[in-house]
Amino acid sequence: MDDKKTPASCENEETFDIVEDALNDLWQVVNELSRIRPPLQRHFRVTIFGSARVKPGQPLYDDVRRLAAALSAQGCDIVTGGGPGLMQAANEGENFGDPDNKTRSFGLPVELPFEERANPFVEKLYHHRTFFSRLHHFVRLSSAFVVVGGGIGTTLETMIVWQLLQVRHIQDVPLILVGDMWKGLVDWAKADMLSHDPPFASPRDLDIPVCVQSIDDAIAAVLAQKALYDAARQG
């Protein structure tokens, strides 16, 4: 078999190398700009992660809408992925809890073939084409994370925030997990990751997520962190 490269294949490889080099240069710019941390915002911003599949009128939808309404009424901006389901519930709750328009409802949708547009309750929209740029944006915007029921996408978002807290790329930002499904995840991690010799994680890494049982518990945990945030701003 003749394995000599044709002029066309060599040209394609050279073009690809140029693209790779350009992308690497762009990432270097992004990495440098990302070192500049945003100042303390006027409003405490809470990102709510949750399933896109939950419908209006279902109990969990109503719970998340109540969560966001309670937080916005206390001066919190609400940040979501901007899509349907529990993201819409959170953005809707912000609108309901903020009749005087003192806080904002953010949406960070990503291009997907089965989601056509952002939900109608988003007030400030940032479009993303990739999940990794969107996740990075969540981290830069957020003063706290609340995770409600969700699937693979919600789990991905949860785990990346958990890891960034573990390696201290972000600090003093609570990760609050609501409900049994997330407690089960943390219990599994503690049982399996700590059972090896050496352990696959340290015990304090597995204490990073704050597991709570109810929406009311989540509200209390967020507002406790917000009080510290407000004190830091005033100081």
C-alpha atoms as a PDB file:
ATOM      1  CA  MET A   1       0.000   0.000   0.000  1.00  0.00           C
ATOM      2  CA  ASP A   2       1.283   3.432  -0.946  1.00  0.00           C
ATOM      3  CA  ASP A   3       1.141   5.570   2.196  1.00  0.00           C
ATOM      4  CA  LYS A   4       2.588   8.679   0.611  1.00  0.00           C
ATOM      5  CA  LYS A   5       0.621  11.824   1.340  1.00  0.00           C
ATOM      6  CA  THR A   6      -0.950  13.627  -1.561  1.00  0.00           C
ATOM      7  CA  PRO A   7      -0.497  17.397  -2.011  1.00  0.00           C
ATOM      8  CA  ALA A   8      -4.156  17.844  -1.053  1.00  0.00           C
ATOM      9  CA  SER A   9      -3.788  15.908   2.219  1.00  0.00           C
ATOM     10  CA  CYS A  10      -0.647  17.859   3.120  1.00  0.00           C
ATOM     11  CA  GLU A  11      -2.464  21.107   2.447  1.00  0.00           C
ATOM     12  CA  ASN A  12      -5.375  19.992   4.651  1.00  0.00           C
ATOM     13  CA  GLU A  13      -3.011  19.111   7.498  1.00  0.00           C
ATOM     14  CA  GLU A  14      -1.248  22.452   7.209  1.00  0.00           C
ATOM     15  CA  THR A  15      -4.580  24.264   7.276  1.00  0.00           C
ATOM     16  CA  PHE A  16      -5.644  22.305  10.341  1.00  0.00           C
ATOM     17  CA  ASP A  17      -2.347  23.124  12.081  1.00  0.00           C
ATOM     18  CA  ILE A  18      -2.929  26.821  11.390  1.00  0.00           C
ATOM     19  CA  VAL A  19      -6.430  26.574  12.873  1.00  0.00           C
ATOM     20  CA  GLU A  20      -5.102  24.735  15.943  1.00  0.00           C
ATOM     21  CA  ASP A  21      -2.416  27.360  16.491  1.00  0.00           C
ATOM     22  CA  ALA A  22      -4.969  30.167  16.147  1.00  0.00           C
ATOM     23  CA  LEU A  23      -7.325  28.473  18.601  1.00  0.00           C
ATOM     24  CA  ASN A  24      -4.493  28.038  21.076  1.00  0.00           C
ATOM     25  CA  ASP A  25      -3.650  31.728  20.787  1.00  0.00           C
ATOM     26  CA  LEU A  26      -7.297  32.632  21.372  1.00  0.00           C
ATOM     27  CA  TRP A  27      -7.429  30.408  24.450  1.00  0.00           C
ATOM     28  CA  GLN A  28      -4.351  32.141  25.806  1.00  0.00           C
ATOM     29  CA  VAL A  29      -6.174  35.474  25.483  1.00  0.00           C
ATOM     30  CA  VAL A  30      -9.248  34.027  27.205  1.00  0.00           C
ATOM     31  CA  ASN A  31      -7.092  32.593  30.001  1.00  0.00           C
ATOM     32  CA  GLU A  32      -5.391  35.939  30.584  1.00  0.00           C
ATOM     33  CA  LEU A  33      -8.670  37.869  30.599  1.00  0.00           C
ATOM     34  CA  SER A  34     -10.206  35.298  32.951  1.00  0.00           C
ATOM     35  CA  ARG A  35      -7.566  36.093  35.548  1.00  0.00           C
ATOM     36  CA  ILE A  36      -9.317  39.439  36.063  1.00  0.00           C
ATOM     37  CA  ARG A  37     -12.005  38.634  38.582  1.00  0.00           C
ATOM     38  CA  PRO A  38     -15.204  40.692  38.447  1.00  0.00           C
ATOM     39  CA  PRO A  39     -15.725  43.089  41.363  1.00  0.00           C
ATOM     40  CA  LEU A  40     -18.424  42.514  43.918  1.00  0.00           C
ATOM     41  CA  GLN A  41     -21.641  43.111  42.019  1.00  0.00           C
ATOM     42  CA  ARG A  42     -24.356  45.436  43.173  1.00  0.00           C
ATOM     43  CA  HIS A  43     -26.666  42.438  43.443  1.00  0.00           C
ATOM     44  CA  PHE A  44     -25.956  38.989  44.805  1.00  0.00           C
ATOM     45  CA  ARG A  45     -26.430  36.611  41.865  1.00  0.00           C
ATOM     46  CA  VAL A  46     -27.805  33.101  42.318  1.00  0.00           C
ATOM     47  CA  THR A  47     -27.554  30.535  39.550  1.00  0.00           C
ATOM     48  CA  ILE A  48     -30.254  27.878  39.643  1.00  0.00           C
ATOM     49  CA  PHE A  49     -29.524  24.627  37.787  1.00  0.00           C
ATOM     50  CA  GLY A  50     -32.342  22.198  37.022  1.00  0.00           C
ATOM     51  CA  SER A  51     -34.137  20.068  34.467  1.00  0.00           C
ATOM     52  CA  ALA A  52     -35.518  21.450  31.201  1.00  0.00           C
ATOM     53  CA  ARG A  53     -38.173  18.709  31.174  1.00  0.00           C
ATOM     54  CA  VAL A  54     -40.386  19.816  34.075  1.00  0.00           C
ATOM     55  CA  LYS A  55     -43.646  21.431  32.966  1.00  0.00           C
ATOM     56  CA  PRO A  56     -45.486  24.465  34.379  1.00  0.00           C
ATOM     57  CA  GLY A  57     -47.997  23.378  36.975  1.00  0.00           C
ATOM     58  CA  GLN A  58     -45.949  20.426  38.212  1.00  0.00           C
ATOM     59  CA  PRO A  59     -44.978  20.587  41.915  1.00  0.00           C
ATOM     60  CA  LEU A  60     -41.238  20.997  41.313  1.00  0.00           C
ATOM     61  CA  TYR A  61     -41.842  23.817  38.821  1.00  0.00           C
ATOM     62  CA  ASP A  62     -43.921  25.660  41.422  1.00  0.00           C
ATOM     63  CA  ASP A  63     -41.270  25.042  44.088  1.00  0.00           C
ATOM     64  CA  VAL A  64     -38.470  26.497  41.956  1.00  0.00           C
ATOM     65  CA  ARG A  65     -40.580  29.487  40.987  1.00  0.00           C
ATOM     66  CA  ARG A  66     -41.186  30.106  44.698  1.00  0.00           C
ATOM     67  CA  LEU A  67     -37.455  29.730  45.413  1.00  0.00           C
ATOM     68  CA  ALA A  68     -36.503  32.347  42.828  1.00  0.00           C
ATOM     69  CA  ALA A  69     -39.307  34.686  43.876  1.00  0.00           C
ATOM     70  CA  ALA A  70     -38.194  34.575  47.517  1.00  0.00           C
ATOM     71  CA  LEU A  71     -34.576  35.260  46.588  1.00  0.00           C
ATOM     72  CA  SER A  72     -35.346  38.113  44.188  1.00  0.00           C
ATOM     73  CA  ALA A  73     -37.592  39.692  46.807  1.00  0.00           C
ATOM     74  CA  GLN A  74     -34.481  39.822  49.024  1.00  0.00           C
ATOM     75  CA  GLY A  75     -32.387  41.515  46.328  1.00  0.00           C
ATOM     76  CA  CYS A  76     -30.882  38.545  44.487  1.00  0.00           C
ATOM     77  CA  ASP A  77     -30.450  38.405  40.726  1.00  0.00           C
ATOM     78  CA  ILE A  78     -31.380  35.025  39.255  1.00  0.00           C
ATOM     79  CA  VAL A  79     -29.249  33.293  36.615  1.00  0.00           C
ATOM     80  CA  THR A  80     -30.305  30.215  34.607  1.00  0.00           C
ATOM     81  CA  GLY A  81     -29.555  28.484  31.351  1.00  0.00           C
ATOM     82  CA  GLY A  82     -32.444  30.454  29.877  1.00  0.00           C
ATOM     83  CA  GLY A  83     -34.319  27.428  28.571  1.00  0.00           C
ATOM     84  CA  PRO A  84     -37.613  25.746  29.465  1.00  0.00           C
ATOM     85  CA  GLY A  85     -38.550  23.666  32.502  1.00  0.00           C
ATOM     86  CA  LEU A  86     -36.994  24.609  35.821  1.00  0.00           C
ATOM     87  CA  MET A  87     -34.903  27.299  34.139  1.00  0.00           C
ATOM     88  CA  GLN A  88     -38.114  28.997  33.078  1.00  0.00           C
ATOM     89  CA  ALA A  89     -39.556  28.483  36.562  1.00  0.00           C
ATOM     90  CA  ALA A  90     -36.582  30.304  38.087  1.00  0.00           C
ATOM     91  CA  ASN A  91     -36.679  33.193  35.611  1.00  0.00           C
ATOM     92  CA  GLU A  92     -40.448  33.465  36.074  1.00  0.00           C
ATOM     93  CA  GLY A  93     -40.030  33.485  39.838  1.00  0.00           C
ATOM     94  CA  GLU A  94     -37.553  36.349  39.621  1.00  0.00           C
ATOM     95  CA  ASN A  95     -40.091  38.385  37.640  1.00  0.00           C
ATOM     96  CA  PHE A  96     -42.817  37.617  40.176  1.00  0.00           C
ATOM     97  CA  GLY A  97     -40.662  38.382  43.224  1.00  0.00           C
ATOM     98  CA  ASP A  98     -39.375  41.659  41.804  1.00  0.00           C
ATOM     99  CA  PRO A  99     -42.381  43.786  40.778  1.00  0.00           C
ATOM    100  CA  ASP A 100     -40.313  46.982  41.048  1.00  0.00           C
ATOM    101  CA  ASN A 101     -37.622  45.647  38.690  1.00  0.00           C
ATOM    102  CA  LYS A 102     -34.780  46.111  41.157  1.00  0.00           C
ATOM    103  CA  THR A 103     -33.134  42.767  40.329  1.00  0.00           C
ATOM    104  CA  ARG A 104     -32.525  41.010  37.024  1.00  0.00           C
ATOM    105  CA  SER A 105     -33.320  37.686  35.434  1.00  0.00           C
ATOM    106  CA  PHE A 106     -30.370  36.344  33.409  1.00  0.00           C
ATOM    107  CA  GLY A 107     -30.438  33.576  30.818  1.00  0.00           C
ATOM    108  CA  LEU A 108     -27.448  31.817  29.245  1.00  0.00           C
ATOM    109  CA  PRO A 109     -28.908  29.573  26.538  1.00  0.00           C
ATOM    110  CA  VAL A 110     -26.726  27.267  24.456  1.00  0.00           C
ATOM    111  CA  GLU A 111     -27.471  26.336  20.859  1.00  0.00           C
ATOM    112  CA  LEU A 112     -29.375  23.038  20.765  1.00  0.00           C
ATOM    113  CA  PRO A 113     -31.389  21.508  17.903  1.00  0.00           C
ATOM    114  CA  PHE A 114     -34.411  20.892  20.147  1.00  0.00           C
ATOM    115  CA  GLU A 115     -34.584  24.233  21.999  1.00  0.00           C
ATOM    116  CA  GLU A 116     -35.585  27.081  19.722  1.00  0.00           C
ATOM    117  CA  ARG A 117     -35.338  30.153  21.940  1.00  0.00           C
ATOM    118  CA  ALA A 118     -34.929  31.423  25.471  1.00  0.00           C
ATOM    119  CA  ASN A 119     -37.895  31.393  27.803  1.00  0.00           C
ATOM    120  CA  PRO A 120     -39.980  34.595  27.882  1.00  0.00           C
ATOM    121  CA  PHE A 121     -39.021  35.559  31.449  1.00  0.00           C
ATOM    122  CA  VAL A 122     -35.333  36.243  30.733  1.00  0.00           C
ATOM    123  CA  GLU A 123     -34.473  39.940  31.015  1.00  0.00           C
ATOM    124  CA  LYS A 124     -30.760  39.798  30.149  1.00  0.00           C
ATOM    125  CA  LEU A 125     -29.696  37.252  27.548  1.00  0.00           C
ATOM    126  CA  TYR A 126     -26.249  35.873  26.682  1.00  0.00           C
ATOM    127  CA  HIS A 127     -26.143  33.329  23.854  1.00  0.00           C
ATOM    128  CA  HIS A 128     -23.517  30.561  23.825  1.00  0.00           C
ATOM    129  CA  ARG A 129     -22.564  28.060  21.150  1.00  0.00           C
ATOM    130  CA  THR A 130     -20.665  25.688  23.432  1.00  0.00           C
ATOM    131  CA  PHE A 131     -21.263  24.227  26.858  1.00  0.00           C
ATOM    132  CA  PHE A 132     -17.754  25.013  28.079  1.00  0.00           C
ATOM    133  CA  SER A 133     -18.034  28.749  27.358  1.00  0.00           C
ATOM    134  CA  ARG A 134     -21.478  28.764  28.962  1.00  0.00           C
ATOM    135  CA  LEU A 135     -20.239  26.984  32.099  1.00  0.00           C
ATOM    136  CA  HIS A 136     -17.387  29.461  32.385  1.00  0.00           C
ATOM    137  CA  HIS A 137     -19.877  32.325  32.139  1.00  0.00           C
ATOM    138  CA  PHE A 138     -22.031  30.825  34.904  1.00  0.00           C
ATOM    139  CA  VAL A 139     -18.996  30.755  37.164  1.00  0.00           C
ATOM    140  CA  ARG A 140     -18.040  34.370  36.429  1.00  0.00           C
ATOM    141  CA  LEU A 141     -21.573  35.655  37.060  1.00  0.00           C
ATOM    142  CA  SER A 142     -22.526  33.742  40.175  1.00  0.00           C
ATOM    143  CA  SER A 143     -22.337  34.422  43.893  1.00  0.00           C
ATOM    144  CA  ALA A 144     -24.095  31.148  44.770  1.00  0.00           C
ATOM    145  CA  PHE A 145     -25.344  28.003  43.055  1.00  0.00           C
ATOM    146  CA  VAL A 146     -28.558  26.156  43.852  1.00  0.00           C
ATOM    147  CA  VAL A 147     -29.116  22.771  42.199  1.00  0.00           C
ATOM    148  CA  VAL A 148     -32.615  21.332  42.054  1.00  0.00           C
ATOM    149  CA  GLY A 149     -33.810  18.184  40.307  1.00  0.00           C
ATOM    150  CA  GLY A 150     -32.197  17.485  36.966  1.00  0.00           C
ATOM    151  CA  GLY A 151     -30.566  15.070  34.568  1.00  0.00           C
ATOM    152  CA  ILE A 152     -27.255  14.741  32.749  1.00  0.00           C
ATOM    153  CA  GLY A 153     -26.851  18.445  31.962  1.00  0.00           C
ATOM    154  CA  THR A 154     -27.635  19.476  35.523  1.00  0.00           C
ATOM    155  CA  THR A 155     -25.192  16.869  36.821  1.00  0.00           C
ATOM    156  CA  LEU A 156     -22.461  18.166  34.514  1.00  0.00           C
ATOM    157  CA  GLU A 157     -23.010  21.709  35.749  1.00  0.00           C
ATOM    158  CA  THR A 158     -22.965  20.563  39.364  1.00  0.00           C
ATOM    159  CA  MET A 159     -19.778  18.557  39.013  1.00  0.00           C
ATOM    160  CA  ILE A 160     -17.795  21.297  37.257  1.00  0.00           C
ATOM    161  CA  VAL A 161     -18.715  23.830  39.966  1.00  0.00           C
ATOM    162  CA  TRP A 162     -17.817  21.250  42.634  1.00  0.00           C
ATOM    163  CA  GLN A 163     -14.432  20.670  41.015  1.00  0.00           C
ATOM    164  CA  LEU A 164     -13.673  24.389  40.649  1.00  0.00           C
ATOM    165  CA  LEU A 165     -14.420  24.851  44.348  1.00  0.00           C
ATOM    166  CA  GLN A 166     -12.246  21.842  45.165  1.00  0.00           C
ATOM    167  CA  VAL A 167      -9.202  23.264  43.349  1.00  0.00           C
ATOM    168  CA  ARG A 168     -10.012  26.784  44.622  1.00  0.00           C
ATOM    169  CA  HIS A 169     -10.466  28.362  41.230  1.00  0.00           C
ATOM    170  CA  ILE A 170     -13.549  29.825  42.879  1.00  0.00           C
ATOM    171  CA  GLN A 171     -13.941  30.456  46.598  1.00  0.00           C
ATOM    172  CA  ASP A 172     -16.608  31.552  49.059  1.00  0.00           C
ATOM    173  CA  VAL A 173     -19.356  30.545  46.618  1.00  0.00           C
ATOM    174  CA  PRO A 174     -21.819  28.045  48.103  1.00  0.00           C
ATOM    175  CA  LEU A 175     -22.967  25.005  46.117  1.00  0.00           C
ATOM    176  CA  ILE A 176     -26.369  24.096  47.537  1.00  0.00           C
ATOM    177  CA  LEU A 177     -27.932  20.789  46.460  1.00  0.00           C
ATOM    178  CA  VAL A 178     -31.647  20.357  47.081  1.00  0.00           C
ATOM    179  CA  GLY A 179     -33.286  16.962  47.540  1.00  0.00           C
ATOM    180  CA  ASP A 180     -32.543  13.267  47.927  1.00  0.00           C
ATOM    181  CA  MET A 181     -31.037  12.682  44.489  1.00  0.00           C
ATOM    182  CA  TRP A 182     -28.073  14.944  45.216  1.00  0.00           C
ATOM    183  CA  LYS A 183     -27.625  13.658  48.745  1.00  0.00           C
ATOM    184  CA  GLY A 184     -27.393  10.217  47.173  1.00  0.00           C
ATOM    185  CA  LEU A 185     -24.654  11.453  44.825  1.00  0.00           C
ATOM    186  CA  VAL A 186     -22.627  12.902  47.694  1.00  0.00           C
ATOM    187  CA  ASP A 187     -23.149   9.771  49.816  1.00  0.00           C
ATOM    188  CA  TRP A 188     -21.925   7.630  46.902  1.00  0.00           C
ATOM    189  CA  ALA A 189     -18.839   9.826  46.496  1.00  0.00           C
ATOM    190  CA  LYS A 190     -18.029   9.589  50.200  1.00  0.00           C
ATOM    191  CA  ALA A 191     -18.509   5.820  50.259  1.00  0.00           C
ATOM    192  CA  ASP A 192     -16.615   4.978  47.066  1.00  0.00           C
ATOM    193  CA  MET A 193     -13.966   7.689  46.720  1.00  0.00           C
ATOM    194  CA  LEU A 194     -12.824   7.439  50.342  1.00  0.00           C
ATOM    195  CA  SER A 195     -12.757   3.627  50.452  1.00  0.00           C
ATOM    196  CA  HIS A 196      -9.594   3.297  48.329  1.00  0.00           C
ATOM    197  CA  ASP A 197      -5.994   3.339  49.507  1.00  0.00           C
ATOM    198  CA  PRO A 198      -5.043   6.068  48.873  1.00  0.00           C
ATOM    199  CA  PRO A 199      -8.466   7.760  48.723  1.00  0.00           C
ATOM    200  CA  PHE A 200      -9.505   9.292  45.418  1.00  0.00           C
ATOM    201  CA  ALA A 201     -10.501  12.535  47.180  1.00  0.00           C
ATOM    202  CA  SER A 202     -10.028  14.165  50.549  1.00  0.00           C
ATOM    203  CA  PRO A 203     -12.895  14.199  53.064  1.00  0.00           C
ATOM    204  CA  ARG A 204     -13.047  17.987  53.006  1.00  0.00           C
ATOM    205  CA  ASP A 205     -13.500  17.957  49.213  1.00  0.00           C
ATOM    206  CA  LEU A 206     -16.630  15.879  49.684  1.00  0.00           C
ATOM    207  CA  ASP A 207     -17.989  18.323  52.255  1.00  0.00           C
ATOM    208  CA  ILE A 208     -18.039  21.172  49.699  1.00  0.00           C
ATOM    209  CA  PRO A 209     -21.652  20.698  48.544  1.00  0.00           C
ATOM    210  CA  VAL A 210     -24.253  21.770  51.073  1.00  0.00           C
ATOM    211  CA  CYS A 211     -27.070  19.209  50.900  1.00  0.00           C
ATOM    212  CA  VAL A 212     -30.489  20.453  52.012  1.00  0.00           C
ATOM    213  CA  GLN A 213     -33.844  18.763  51.914  1.00  0.00           C
ATOM    214  CA  SER A 214     -36.271  21.537  51.037  1.00  0.00           C
ATOM    215  CA  ILE A 215     -36.671  24.750  49.098  1.00  0.00           C
ATOM    216  CA  ASP A 216     -37.038  26.642  52.380  1.00  0.00           C
ATOM    217  CA  ASP A 217     -33.687  25.238  53.539  1.00  0.00           C
ATOM    218  CA  ALA A 218     -32.109  26.404  50.265  1.00  0.00           C
ATOM    219  CA  ILE A 219     -33.539  29.901  50.679  1.00  0.00           C
ATOM    220  CA  ALA A 220     -32.151  30.127  54.208  1.00  0.00           C
ATOM    221  CA  ALA A 221     -28.693  28.919  53.095  1.00  0.00           C
ATOM    222  CA  VAL A 222     -28.511  31.415  50.226  1.00  0.00           C
ATOM    223  CA  LEU A 223     -29.658  34.362  52.336  1.00  0.00           C
ATOM    224  CA  ALA A 224     -27.087  33.522  55.017  1.00  0.00           C
ATOM    225  CA  GLN A 225     -24.357  33.741  52.378  1.00  0.00           C
ATOM    226  CA  LYS A 226     -25.886  36.929  50.966  1.00  0.00           C
ATOM    227  CA  ALA A 227     -25.636  38.564  54.396  1.00  0.00           C
ATOM    228  CA  LEU A 228     -21.883  37.881  54.407  1.00  0.00           C
ATOM    229  CA  TYR A 229     -21.622  39.204  50.853  1.00  0.00           C
ATOM    230  CA  ASP A 230     -23.462  42.408  51.721  1.00  0.00           C
ATOM    231  CA  ALA A 231     -21.245  42.934  54.759  1.00  0.00           C
ATOM    232  CA  ALA A 232     -18.147  42.553  52.563  1.00  0.00           C
ATOM    233  CA  ARG A 233     -19.464  45.112  50.083  1.00  0.00           C
ATOM    234  CA  GLN A 234     -20.197  47.616  52.819  1.00  0.00           C
ATOM    235  CA  GLY A 235     -16.827  47.008  54.450  1.00  0.00           C
END
